[in-house]
N, C-alpha and C. Protein backbone atom coordinates (compact mmCIF):
# COMPACT_ATOMS: atom_id res chain seq x y z
N MET A 1 13.62 10.25 -3.84
CA MET A 1 12.22 10.61 -3.92
C MET A 1 12.03 11.84 -4.79
N ARG A 2 12.95 12.16 -5.59
CA ARG A 2 12.88 13.34 -6.45
C ARG A 2 12.43 14.55 -5.65
N GLY A 3 11.37 15.25 -6.11
CA GLY A 3 10.96 16.49 -5.46
C GLY A 3 9.92 16.33 -4.38
N THR A 4 9.59 15.09 -4.01
CA THR A 4 8.57 14.94 -2.97
C THR A 4 9.11 15.41 -1.64
N SER A 5 8.20 15.85 -0.81
CA SER A 5 8.60 16.38 0.49
C SER A 5 7.73 15.75 1.57
N PRO A 6 8.14 15.89 2.83
CA PRO A 6 7.28 15.38 3.90
C PRO A 6 5.89 15.99 3.78
N GLY A 7 4.89 15.15 3.89
CA GLY A 7 3.52 15.62 3.74
C GLY A 7 2.99 15.51 2.33
N ALA A 8 3.78 14.95 1.41
CA ALA A 8 3.30 14.76 0.04
C ALA A 8 2.07 13.85 0.07
N GLN A 9 1.15 14.10 -0.86
CA GLN A 9 -0.02 13.23 -0.96
C GLN A 9 0.43 11.80 -1.24
N ALA A 10 -0.31 10.84 -0.69
CA ALA A 10 0.06 9.43 -0.79
C ALA A 10 -1.08 8.62 -1.41
N TYR A 11 -0.69 7.47 -1.97
CA TYR A 11 -1.63 6.52 -2.58
C TYR A 11 -1.03 5.14 -2.40
N LEU A 12 -1.85 4.18 -1.96
CA LEU A 12 -1.40 2.81 -1.74
C LEU A 12 -2.13 1.87 -2.70
N ARG A 13 -1.35 0.95 -3.32
CA ARG A 13 -1.93 -0.11 -4.16
C ARG A 13 -1.39 -1.44 -3.66
N ALA A 14 -2.30 -2.37 -3.36
CA ALA A 14 -1.90 -3.69 -2.89
C ALA A 14 -2.28 -4.74 -3.92
N PHE A 15 -1.41 -5.75 -4.03
CA PHE A 15 -1.64 -6.88 -4.93
C PHE A 15 -1.50 -8.15 -4.09
N LYS A 16 -2.63 -8.83 -3.89
CA LYS A 16 -2.64 -9.98 -2.98
C LYS A 16 -1.79 -11.14 -3.50
N GLU A 17 -1.93 -11.49 -4.77
CA GLU A 17 -1.25 -12.67 -5.30
C GLU A 17 0.27 -12.57 -5.17
N SER A 18 0.83 -11.42 -5.50
CA SER A 18 2.28 -11.24 -5.43
C SER A 18 2.74 -10.69 -4.08
N ARG A 19 1.78 -10.44 -3.18
CA ARG A 19 2.07 -9.97 -1.82
C ARG A 19 2.92 -8.70 -1.84
N GLU A 20 2.39 -7.68 -2.52
CA GLU A 20 3.08 -6.40 -2.65
C GLU A 20 2.17 -5.26 -2.21
N LEU A 21 2.79 -4.24 -1.63
CA LEU A 21 2.09 -2.99 -1.31
C LEU A 21 2.94 -1.86 -1.86
N GLU A 22 2.40 -1.15 -2.85
CA GLU A 22 3.10 -0.01 -3.43
C GLU A 22 2.69 1.26 -2.71
N LEU A 23 3.66 2.12 -2.45
CA LEU A 23 3.40 3.44 -1.88
C LEU A 23 3.84 4.47 -2.92
N TRP A 24 2.87 5.23 -3.41
CA TRP A 24 3.10 6.28 -4.39
C TRP A 24 2.95 7.63 -3.71
N LEU A 25 3.80 8.60 -4.10
CA LEU A 25 3.74 9.95 -3.55
C LEU A 25 3.62 10.96 -4.68
N ARG A 26 2.89 12.02 -4.40
CA ARG A 26 2.70 13.06 -5.40
C ARG A 26 3.90 14.00 -5.40
N ASP A 27 4.41 14.24 -6.60
CA ASP A 27 5.53 15.16 -6.82
C ASP A 27 5.06 16.18 -7.85
N GLY A 28 4.51 17.30 -7.39
CA GLY A 28 3.93 18.27 -8.31
C GLY A 28 2.68 17.68 -8.95
N SER A 29 2.68 17.57 -10.27
CA SER A 29 1.52 16.99 -10.97
C SER A 29 1.71 15.51 -11.26
N GLU A 30 2.84 14.96 -10.87
CA GLU A 30 3.15 13.55 -11.14
C GLU A 30 3.09 12.72 -9.86
N TRP A 31 2.90 11.43 -10.02
CA TRP A 31 2.97 10.47 -8.91
C TRP A 31 4.18 9.59 -9.14
N VAL A 32 5.00 9.43 -8.11
CA VAL A 32 6.21 8.62 -8.22
C VAL A 32 6.14 7.47 -7.22
N LEU A 33 6.65 6.32 -7.65
CA LEU A 33 6.69 5.16 -6.76
C LEU A 33 7.77 5.39 -5.72
N PHE A 34 7.36 5.53 -4.47
CA PHE A 34 8.31 5.69 -3.38
C PHE A 34 8.95 4.35 -3.04
N ARG A 35 8.11 3.34 -2.88
CA ARG A 35 8.64 2.02 -2.55
C ARG A 35 7.58 0.96 -2.82
N ASN A 36 8.06 -0.23 -3.20
CA ASN A 36 7.21 -1.41 -3.34
C ASN A 36 7.60 -2.36 -2.22
N TYR A 37 6.72 -2.52 -1.23
CA TYR A 37 7.02 -3.31 -0.04
C TYR A 37 6.50 -4.74 -0.18
N PRO A 38 7.24 -5.71 0.32
CA PRO A 38 6.67 -7.05 0.41
C PRO A 38 5.69 -7.11 1.57
N VAL A 39 4.56 -7.75 1.35
CA VAL A 39 3.59 -7.97 2.43
C VAL A 39 4.07 -9.21 3.19
N ALA A 40 4.30 -9.06 4.49
CA ALA A 40 4.84 -10.16 5.29
C ALA A 40 3.82 -11.28 5.47
N ALA A 41 2.55 -10.92 5.62
CA ALA A 41 1.50 -11.93 5.79
C ALA A 41 0.16 -11.36 5.37
N LEU A 42 -0.62 -12.21 4.75
CA LEU A 42 -2.02 -11.92 4.46
C LEU A 42 -2.75 -13.24 4.49
N SER A 43 -4.04 -13.19 4.65
CA SER A 43 -4.79 -14.43 4.77
C SER A 43 -5.89 -14.49 3.72
N GLY A 44 -6.48 -15.66 3.60
CA GLY A 44 -7.55 -15.86 2.63
C GLY A 44 -6.98 -16.15 1.25
N GLY A 45 -7.84 -16.13 0.27
CA GLY A 45 -7.46 -16.42 -1.10
C GLY A 45 -7.97 -15.36 -2.03
N PRO A 46 -8.03 -15.67 -3.33
CA PRO A 46 -8.55 -14.71 -4.29
C PRO A 46 -10.03 -14.43 -4.03
N GLY A 47 -10.43 -13.21 -4.30
CA GLY A 47 -11.83 -12.83 -4.13
C GLY A 47 -12.01 -11.88 -2.97
N PRO A 48 -13.14 -11.18 -2.96
CA PRO A 48 -13.38 -10.16 -1.94
C PRO A 48 -13.75 -10.76 -0.59
N LYS A 49 -13.57 -9.96 0.44
CA LYS A 49 -14.04 -10.33 1.77
C LYS A 49 -15.57 -10.34 1.73
N GLN A 50 -16.17 -11.37 2.33
CA GLN A 50 -17.63 -11.50 2.31
C GLN A 50 -18.29 -11.19 3.64
N ARG A 51 -17.64 -11.63 4.74
CA ARG A 51 -18.30 -11.50 6.03
C ARG A 51 -17.28 -11.41 7.16
N GLU A 52 -17.73 -10.86 8.26
CA GLU A 52 -16.92 -10.78 9.48
C GLU A 52 -16.39 -12.16 9.83
N GLY A 53 -15.09 -12.25 10.09
CA GLY A 53 -14.49 -13.49 10.56
C GLY A 53 -14.08 -14.47 9.48
N ASP A 54 -14.22 -14.11 8.20
CA ASP A 54 -13.85 -15.08 7.16
C ASP A 54 -12.35 -15.11 6.88
N GLY A 55 -11.58 -14.23 7.53
CA GLY A 55 -10.13 -14.24 7.38
C GLY A 55 -9.65 -13.77 6.02
N GLN A 56 -10.52 -13.21 5.23
CA GLN A 56 -10.21 -12.82 3.87
C GLN A 56 -9.74 -11.36 3.82
N VAL A 57 -8.68 -11.09 3.06
CA VAL A 57 -8.28 -9.71 2.78
C VAL A 57 -9.24 -9.17 1.73
N PRO A 58 -9.84 -8.00 1.95
CA PRO A 58 -10.79 -7.46 0.97
C PRO A 58 -10.11 -7.08 -0.34
N GLU A 59 -10.93 -6.89 -1.35
CA GLU A 59 -10.50 -6.35 -2.63
C GLU A 59 -11.44 -5.20 -2.97
N GLY A 60 -10.87 -4.11 -3.43
CA GLY A 60 -11.70 -2.96 -3.78
C GLY A 60 -11.01 -1.66 -3.45
N PHE A 61 -11.82 -0.63 -3.27
CA PHE A 61 -11.33 0.74 -3.15
C PHE A 61 -11.67 1.29 -1.77
N TYR A 62 -10.64 1.61 -1.03
CA TYR A 62 -10.78 2.02 0.36
C TYR A 62 -10.01 3.31 0.59
N ALA A 63 -10.10 3.86 1.79
CA ALA A 63 -9.41 5.11 2.09
C ALA A 63 -9.11 5.20 3.58
N VAL A 64 -7.93 5.75 3.87
CA VAL A 64 -7.49 5.95 5.25
C VAL A 64 -7.72 7.41 5.60
N GLU A 65 -8.57 7.65 6.59
CA GLU A 65 -8.80 9.00 7.08
C GLU A 65 -8.05 9.18 8.39
N ARG A 66 -7.94 10.41 8.85
CA ARG A 66 -7.14 10.74 10.04
C ARG A 66 -7.50 9.88 11.25
N GLY A 67 -8.78 9.68 11.48
CA GLY A 67 -9.22 8.90 12.64
C GLY A 67 -8.92 7.42 12.54
N ALA A 68 -8.45 6.96 11.39
CA ALA A 68 -8.16 5.54 11.20
C ALA A 68 -6.76 5.15 11.65
N LEU A 69 -5.93 6.14 11.98
CA LEU A 69 -4.56 5.86 12.43
C LEU A 69 -4.58 5.36 13.87
N ASN A 70 -3.80 4.32 14.14
CA ASN A 70 -3.75 3.76 15.50
C ASN A 70 -2.30 3.61 15.95
N PRO A 71 -1.77 4.62 16.66
CA PRO A 71 -0.39 4.53 17.13
C PRO A 71 -0.23 3.60 18.33
N ALA A 72 -1.33 3.14 18.91
CA ALA A 72 -1.27 2.25 20.08
C ALA A 72 -1.77 0.85 19.72
N SER A 73 -1.51 0.43 18.50
CA SER A 73 -2.00 -0.86 18.00
C SER A 73 -1.34 -2.04 18.71
N SER A 74 -2.07 -3.13 18.82
CA SER A 74 -1.51 -4.39 19.31
C SER A 74 -0.48 -4.93 18.32
N PHE A 75 -0.52 -4.42 17.09
CA PHE A 75 0.40 -4.84 16.03
C PHE A 75 1.40 -3.73 15.72
N HIS A 76 1.92 -3.10 16.76
CA HIS A 76 2.91 -2.03 16.70
C HIS A 76 2.27 -0.71 16.28
N LEU A 77 2.02 -0.54 15.00
CA LEU A 77 1.29 0.61 14.45
C LEU A 77 0.30 0.05 13.43
N SER A 78 -0.81 0.75 13.23
CA SER A 78 -1.76 0.28 12.22
C SER A 78 -2.63 1.43 11.74
N PHE A 79 -3.26 1.21 10.61
CA PHE A 79 -4.33 2.10 10.16
C PHE A 79 -5.40 1.26 9.47
N ASN A 80 -6.64 1.67 9.73
CA ASN A 80 -7.81 1.00 9.19
C ASN A 80 -8.03 1.48 7.76
N ILE A 81 -8.25 0.55 6.83
CA ILE A 81 -8.42 0.95 5.43
C ILE A 81 -9.85 1.36 5.09
N GLY A 82 -10.78 1.19 6.01
CA GLY A 82 -12.15 1.65 5.76
C GLY A 82 -13.07 0.60 5.17
N TYR A 83 -12.77 -0.68 5.41
CA TYR A 83 -13.68 -1.75 4.99
C TYR A 83 -14.76 -1.92 6.05
N PRO A 84 -16.00 -2.09 5.65
CA PRO A 84 -16.54 -2.15 4.29
C PRO A 84 -16.79 -0.75 3.72
N ASN A 85 -16.58 -0.61 2.42
CA ASN A 85 -16.92 0.65 1.76
C ASN A 85 -18.40 0.62 1.36
N ALA A 86 -18.87 1.65 0.70
CA ALA A 86 -20.29 1.74 0.33
C ALA A 86 -20.70 0.59 -0.58
N HIS A 87 -19.82 0.19 -1.49
CA HIS A 87 -20.13 -0.92 -2.40
C HIS A 87 -20.25 -2.23 -1.63
N ASP A 88 -19.31 -2.47 -0.72
CA ASP A 88 -19.37 -3.69 0.11
C ASP A 88 -20.67 -3.72 0.90
N ARG A 89 -21.02 -2.61 1.52
CA ARG A 89 -22.26 -2.55 2.31
C ARG A 89 -23.48 -2.80 1.44
N HIS A 90 -23.49 -2.24 0.23
CA HIS A 90 -24.60 -2.46 -0.70
C HIS A 90 -24.77 -3.95 -1.00
N LEU A 91 -23.66 -4.67 -1.07
CA LEU A 91 -23.68 -6.11 -1.36
C LEU A 91 -23.88 -6.97 -0.11
N GLY A 92 -24.04 -6.32 1.04
CA GLY A 92 -24.26 -7.06 2.28
C GLY A 92 -23.02 -7.67 2.89
N ARG A 93 -21.86 -7.21 2.46
CA ARG A 93 -20.60 -7.71 3.02
C ARG A 93 -20.38 -7.09 4.39
N THR A 94 -19.89 -7.90 5.30
CA THR A 94 -19.66 -7.43 6.67
C THR A 94 -18.20 -7.64 7.06
N GLY A 95 -17.80 -6.96 8.10
CA GLY A 95 -16.44 -7.08 8.61
C GLY A 95 -16.02 -5.75 9.19
N SER A 96 -14.92 -5.77 9.90
CA SER A 96 -14.44 -4.55 10.53
C SER A 96 -12.96 -4.71 10.86
N PHE A 97 -12.35 -3.60 11.19
CA PHE A 97 -10.96 -3.57 11.65
C PHE A 97 -10.00 -4.23 10.65
N ILE A 98 -10.17 -3.91 9.37
CA ILE A 98 -9.22 -4.39 8.36
C ILE A 98 -8.12 -3.34 8.28
N MET A 99 -6.93 -3.78 8.60
CA MET A 99 -5.80 -2.86 8.80
C MET A 99 -4.62 -3.17 7.89
N VAL A 100 -3.78 -2.18 7.74
CA VAL A 100 -2.38 -2.36 7.35
C VAL A 100 -1.64 -2.16 8.66
N HIS A 101 -0.84 -3.15 9.06
CA HIS A 101 -0.24 -3.08 10.40
C HIS A 101 1.14 -3.73 10.44
N GLY A 102 1.78 -3.60 11.60
CA GLY A 102 3.06 -4.24 11.82
C GLY A 102 2.87 -5.72 12.11
N SER A 103 3.91 -6.35 12.64
CA SER A 103 3.91 -7.78 12.94
C SER A 103 3.93 -8.57 11.63
N ASN A 104 3.81 -9.87 11.75
CA ASN A 104 3.81 -10.71 10.55
C ASN A 104 2.74 -11.79 10.62
N VAL A 105 1.60 -11.45 11.23
CA VAL A 105 0.44 -12.34 11.26
C VAL A 105 -0.78 -11.59 10.74
N SER A 106 -1.68 -12.33 10.08
CA SER A 106 -2.84 -11.69 9.48
C SER A 106 -4.08 -12.57 9.61
N ILE A 107 -5.18 -11.92 9.92
CA ILE A 107 -6.50 -12.56 9.85
C ILE A 107 -7.39 -11.60 9.06
N GLY A 108 -7.03 -11.37 7.81
CA GLY A 108 -7.79 -10.46 6.96
C GLY A 108 -7.13 -9.12 6.73
N CYS A 109 -5.97 -8.91 7.32
CA CYS A 109 -5.25 -7.63 7.20
C CYS A 109 -4.01 -7.81 6.34
N LEU A 110 -3.33 -6.69 6.07
CA LEU A 110 -2.03 -6.71 5.42
C LEU A 110 -0.98 -6.46 6.49
N ALA A 111 -0.24 -7.50 6.85
CA ALA A 111 0.81 -7.40 7.87
C ALA A 111 2.13 -7.08 7.19
N MET A 112 2.82 -6.04 7.66
CA MET A 112 3.97 -5.50 6.95
C MET A 112 5.31 -5.64 7.69
N THR A 113 5.34 -6.13 8.89
CA THR A 113 6.46 -6.14 9.85
C THR A 113 6.56 -4.77 10.51
N ASP A 114 7.14 -4.75 11.69
CA ASP A 114 7.22 -3.50 12.46
C ASP A 114 8.06 -2.42 11.78
N PRO A 115 9.28 -2.74 11.30
CA PRO A 115 10.08 -1.67 10.67
C PRO A 115 9.40 -1.08 9.43
N VAL A 116 8.75 -1.92 8.64
CA VAL A 116 8.10 -1.43 7.42
C VAL A 116 6.89 -0.56 7.75
N ILE A 117 6.05 -1.00 8.70
CA ILE A 117 4.87 -0.19 9.02
C ILE A 117 5.28 1.16 9.60
N GLU A 118 6.41 1.23 10.27
CA GLU A 118 6.85 2.53 10.80
C GLU A 118 7.01 3.54 9.67
N GLU A 119 7.65 3.12 8.58
CA GLU A 119 7.85 4.03 7.45
C GLU A 119 6.52 4.38 6.78
N ILE A 120 5.71 3.38 6.48
CA ILE A 120 4.43 3.62 5.81
C ILE A 120 3.53 4.50 6.67
N TYR A 121 3.43 4.18 7.93
CA TYR A 121 2.56 4.91 8.86
C TYR A 121 2.96 6.39 8.92
N LEU A 122 4.26 6.65 9.05
CA LEU A 122 4.72 8.04 9.14
C LEU A 122 4.39 8.83 7.88
N ILE A 123 4.53 8.19 6.72
CA ILE A 123 4.24 8.87 5.46
C ILE A 123 2.74 9.14 5.32
N VAL A 124 1.92 8.14 5.65
CA VAL A 124 0.46 8.32 5.59
C VAL A 124 0.02 9.40 6.58
N GLU A 125 0.55 9.34 7.79
CA GLU A 125 0.22 10.34 8.80
C GLU A 125 0.62 11.75 8.34
N ALA A 126 1.81 11.88 7.76
CA ALA A 126 2.27 13.19 7.29
C ALA A 126 1.38 13.72 6.17
N ALA A 127 0.94 12.84 5.26
CA ALA A 127 0.05 13.27 4.18
C ALA A 127 -1.27 13.79 4.75
N LEU A 128 -1.82 13.08 5.72
CA LEU A 128 -3.08 13.50 6.33
C LEU A 128 -2.89 14.79 7.13
N ASP A 129 -1.78 14.90 7.86
CA ASP A 129 -1.50 16.12 8.62
C ASP A 129 -1.33 17.33 7.71
N ALA A 130 -0.83 17.10 6.48
CA ALA A 130 -0.61 18.19 5.54
C ALA A 130 -1.87 18.58 4.77
N GLY A 131 -2.98 17.89 5.05
CA GLY A 131 -4.24 18.30 4.44
C GLY A 131 -4.88 17.32 3.47
N GLN A 132 -4.22 16.20 3.16
CA GLN A 132 -4.89 15.22 2.31
C GLN A 132 -6.08 14.67 3.11
N ARG A 133 -7.26 14.74 2.54
CA ARG A 133 -8.47 14.33 3.27
C ARG A 133 -8.45 12.84 3.59
N ALA A 134 -8.02 12.03 2.63
CA ALA A 134 -7.95 10.58 2.82
C ALA A 134 -6.91 10.02 1.87
N VAL A 135 -6.22 8.99 2.30
CA VAL A 135 -5.23 8.31 1.46
C VAL A 135 -5.91 7.10 0.82
N PRO A 136 -6.04 7.08 -0.51
CA PRO A 136 -6.67 5.94 -1.17
C PRO A 136 -5.85 4.67 -0.99
N VAL A 137 -6.55 3.56 -0.78
CA VAL A 137 -5.95 2.23 -0.71
C VAL A 137 -6.74 1.35 -1.67
N HIS A 138 -6.11 0.96 -2.77
CA HIS A 138 -6.77 0.11 -3.75
C HIS A 138 -6.16 -1.28 -3.63
N VAL A 139 -7.01 -2.26 -3.36
CA VAL A 139 -6.55 -3.64 -3.15
C VAL A 139 -7.03 -4.50 -4.32
N PHE A 140 -6.07 -5.08 -5.03
CA PHE A 140 -6.36 -5.90 -6.20
C PHE A 140 -5.98 -7.36 -5.92
N PRO A 141 -6.64 -8.30 -6.58
CA PRO A 141 -6.28 -9.70 -6.37
C PRO A 141 -4.90 -10.03 -6.94
N PHE A 142 -4.55 -9.34 -8.03
CA PHE A 142 -3.30 -9.59 -8.75
C PHE A 142 -3.08 -8.41 -9.69
N ARG A 143 -1.93 -8.37 -10.34
CA ARG A 143 -1.69 -7.35 -11.37
C ARG A 143 -2.59 -7.71 -12.55
N MET A 144 -3.43 -6.79 -12.95
CA MET A 144 -4.55 -7.10 -13.82
C MET A 144 -4.21 -6.94 -15.31
N THR A 145 -3.23 -7.71 -15.73
CA THR A 145 -2.83 -7.73 -17.13
C THR A 145 -3.84 -8.55 -17.93
N ASP A 146 -3.81 -8.40 -19.26
CA ASP A 146 -4.68 -9.21 -20.11
C ASP A 146 -4.46 -10.69 -19.86
N ALA A 147 -3.19 -11.10 -19.81
CA ALA A 147 -2.87 -12.52 -19.63
C ALA A 147 -3.38 -13.04 -18.29
N ARG A 148 -3.21 -12.27 -17.23
CA ARG A 148 -3.65 -12.74 -15.91
C ARG A 148 -5.17 -12.75 -15.82
N MET A 149 -5.83 -11.79 -16.42
CA MET A 149 -7.29 -11.79 -16.44
C MET A 149 -7.82 -12.99 -17.24
N GLU A 150 -7.15 -13.33 -18.30
CA GLU A 150 -7.55 -14.50 -19.08
C GLU A 150 -7.45 -15.78 -18.25
N LEU A 151 -6.40 -15.90 -17.46
CA LEU A 151 -6.26 -17.07 -16.58
C LEU A 151 -7.40 -17.15 -15.56
N ALA A 152 -7.96 -16.01 -15.22
CA ALA A 152 -9.01 -15.96 -14.20
C ALA A 152 -10.42 -15.96 -14.78
N ARG A 153 -10.55 -16.16 -16.07
CA ARG A 153 -11.86 -15.99 -16.72
C ARG A 153 -12.93 -16.94 -16.20
N GLU A 154 -12.55 -18.10 -15.65
CA GLU A 154 -13.53 -19.05 -15.13
C GLU A 154 -13.86 -18.82 -13.65
N SER A 155 -13.18 -17.88 -13.03
CA SER A 155 -13.41 -17.61 -11.61
C SER A 155 -14.80 -17.02 -11.39
N GLU A 156 -15.40 -17.36 -10.27
CA GLU A 156 -16.69 -16.75 -9.91
C GLU A 156 -16.56 -15.24 -9.73
N TRP A 157 -15.33 -14.76 -9.55
CA TRP A 157 -15.10 -13.33 -9.29
C TRP A 157 -14.69 -12.56 -10.54
N HIS A 158 -14.69 -13.18 -11.70
CA HIS A 158 -14.19 -12.51 -12.91
C HIS A 158 -14.93 -11.21 -13.20
N SER A 159 -16.23 -11.19 -13.06
CA SER A 159 -17.01 -9.97 -13.33
C SER A 159 -16.62 -8.86 -12.35
N PHE A 160 -16.52 -9.21 -11.07
CA PHE A 160 -16.10 -8.24 -10.05
C PHE A 160 -14.70 -7.72 -10.36
N TRP A 161 -13.80 -8.63 -10.72
CA TRP A 161 -12.43 -8.22 -11.03
C TRP A 161 -12.37 -7.30 -12.24
N SER A 162 -13.27 -7.51 -13.19
CA SER A 162 -13.32 -6.61 -14.36
C SER A 162 -13.67 -5.19 -13.92
N GLU A 163 -14.53 -5.05 -12.90
CA GLU A 163 -14.83 -3.73 -12.35
C GLU A 163 -13.58 -3.11 -11.72
N LEU A 164 -12.85 -3.92 -10.95
CA LEU A 164 -11.62 -3.42 -10.32
C LEU A 164 -10.59 -3.02 -11.37
N ARG A 165 -10.58 -3.77 -12.46
CA ARG A 165 -9.58 -3.52 -13.49
C ARG A 165 -9.70 -2.11 -14.08
N ALA A 166 -10.89 -1.55 -14.10
CA ALA A 166 -11.05 -0.19 -14.63
C ALA A 166 -10.16 0.79 -13.88
N ALA A 167 -10.10 0.66 -12.56
CA ALA A 167 -9.24 1.55 -11.76
C ALA A 167 -7.77 1.20 -11.94
N HIS A 168 -7.48 -0.09 -11.97
CA HIS A 168 -6.10 -0.56 -12.19
C HIS A 168 -5.56 0.03 -13.49
N ASP A 169 -6.33 -0.13 -14.57
CA ASP A 169 -5.88 0.33 -15.88
C ASP A 169 -5.84 1.85 -15.97
N ALA A 170 -6.76 2.53 -15.31
CA ALA A 170 -6.74 4.00 -15.32
C ALA A 170 -5.43 4.50 -14.74
N PHE A 171 -4.98 3.89 -13.64
CA PHE A 171 -3.71 4.31 -13.05
C PHE A 171 -2.54 3.95 -13.96
N GLU A 172 -2.57 2.75 -14.53
CA GLU A 172 -1.48 2.34 -15.43
C GLU A 172 -1.37 3.29 -16.62
N GLN A 173 -2.49 3.78 -17.12
CA GLN A 173 -2.49 4.63 -18.31
C GLN A 173 -2.16 6.08 -18.01
N THR A 174 -2.62 6.60 -16.88
CA THR A 174 -2.43 8.03 -16.59
C THR A 174 -1.33 8.30 -15.58
N GLY A 175 -0.97 7.28 -14.78
CA GLY A 175 0.00 7.50 -13.71
C GLY A 175 -0.57 8.28 -12.54
N LYS A 176 -1.90 8.40 -12.50
CA LYS A 176 -2.56 9.15 -11.42
C LYS A 176 -3.69 8.30 -10.84
N PRO A 177 -3.85 8.32 -9.52
CA PRO A 177 -4.94 7.55 -8.92
C PRO A 177 -6.29 8.02 -9.46
N PRO A 178 -7.13 7.09 -9.90
CA PRO A 178 -8.45 7.49 -10.39
C PRO A 178 -9.36 7.87 -9.24
N ARG A 179 -10.38 8.65 -9.55
CA ARG A 179 -11.42 8.94 -8.57
C ARG A 179 -12.40 7.77 -8.58
N VAL A 180 -12.80 7.37 -7.40
CA VAL A 180 -13.76 6.27 -7.26
C VAL A 180 -14.96 6.80 -6.49
N ALA A 181 -16.13 6.60 -7.04
CA ALA A 181 -17.38 6.99 -6.37
C ALA A 181 -18.29 5.78 -6.34
N PHE A 182 -19.19 5.77 -5.39
CA PHE A 182 -20.16 4.69 -5.26
C PHE A 182 -21.54 5.30 -5.46
N GLU A 183 -22.20 4.89 -6.54
CA GLU A 183 -23.51 5.46 -6.89
C GLU A 183 -24.49 4.35 -7.20
N ALA A 184 -25.59 4.31 -6.49
CA ALA A 184 -26.66 3.34 -6.73
C ALA A 184 -26.12 1.92 -6.81
N GLY A 185 -25.23 1.58 -5.89
CA GLY A 185 -24.70 0.23 -5.83
C GLY A 185 -23.62 -0.08 -6.84
N ARG A 186 -23.18 0.93 -7.58
CA ARG A 186 -22.13 0.73 -8.58
C ARG A 186 -20.88 1.48 -8.18
N GLN A 187 -19.75 0.96 -8.63
CA GLN A 187 -18.47 1.66 -8.47
C GLN A 187 -18.23 2.45 -9.75
N VAL A 188 -18.05 3.74 -9.62
CA VAL A 188 -17.85 4.61 -10.78
C VAL A 188 -16.40 5.09 -10.75
N ILE A 189 -15.65 4.72 -11.78
CA ILE A 189 -14.22 5.04 -11.88
C ILE A 189 -14.05 6.18 -12.87
N THR A 190 -13.38 7.24 -12.44
CA THR A 190 -13.10 8.37 -13.32
C THR A 190 -11.59 8.59 -13.34
N PRO A 191 -10.94 8.34 -14.50
CA PRO A 191 -9.49 8.58 -14.57
C PRO A 191 -9.17 10.05 -14.36
N GLU A 192 -8.08 10.31 -13.65
CA GLU A 192 -7.58 11.68 -13.49
C GLU A 192 -6.79 12.04 -14.73
N ARG A 193 -6.81 13.29 -15.09
CA ARG A 193 -6.05 13.75 -16.27
C ARG A 193 -4.92 14.63 -15.82
């Protein structure tokens, strides 16, 4: 982990299609990939979560705050990613209790297995305990390369995915999580320098 220490700031990026969850940690002014975890189970298909009970894993920009940690979860350990965010609410999307958790079953969550969630949970908890206000969780349908976006051009979600791609590409270009704000029903992405 190079120079990272317990309590280093954390950032999570999930890719539904390849079933991956990346955990990045801040090392001084740089962000380093701590680990790329396989997602044991997720449900739904491509596209954002629309409503409570649809079994869909959301796509978009979320954040884990201190109160979202659940050490007494039915799924070993869990944390709520904060769905719906302001953009989801603006679009009338509903749902609750979207988690990253242990076990290997999912109804709209990212299930990581018990041993894996133990590591992720402890790192997220340490980052929050050390003063990080919230740990960003960015959930993408897939790795948003030109070729993959071209394959998705006929999807009903292509326009939405193009919005998500701004944050995906900002991180790919700068190596730093972008700032995401929600203003007047829009997602505003500002790359970090």
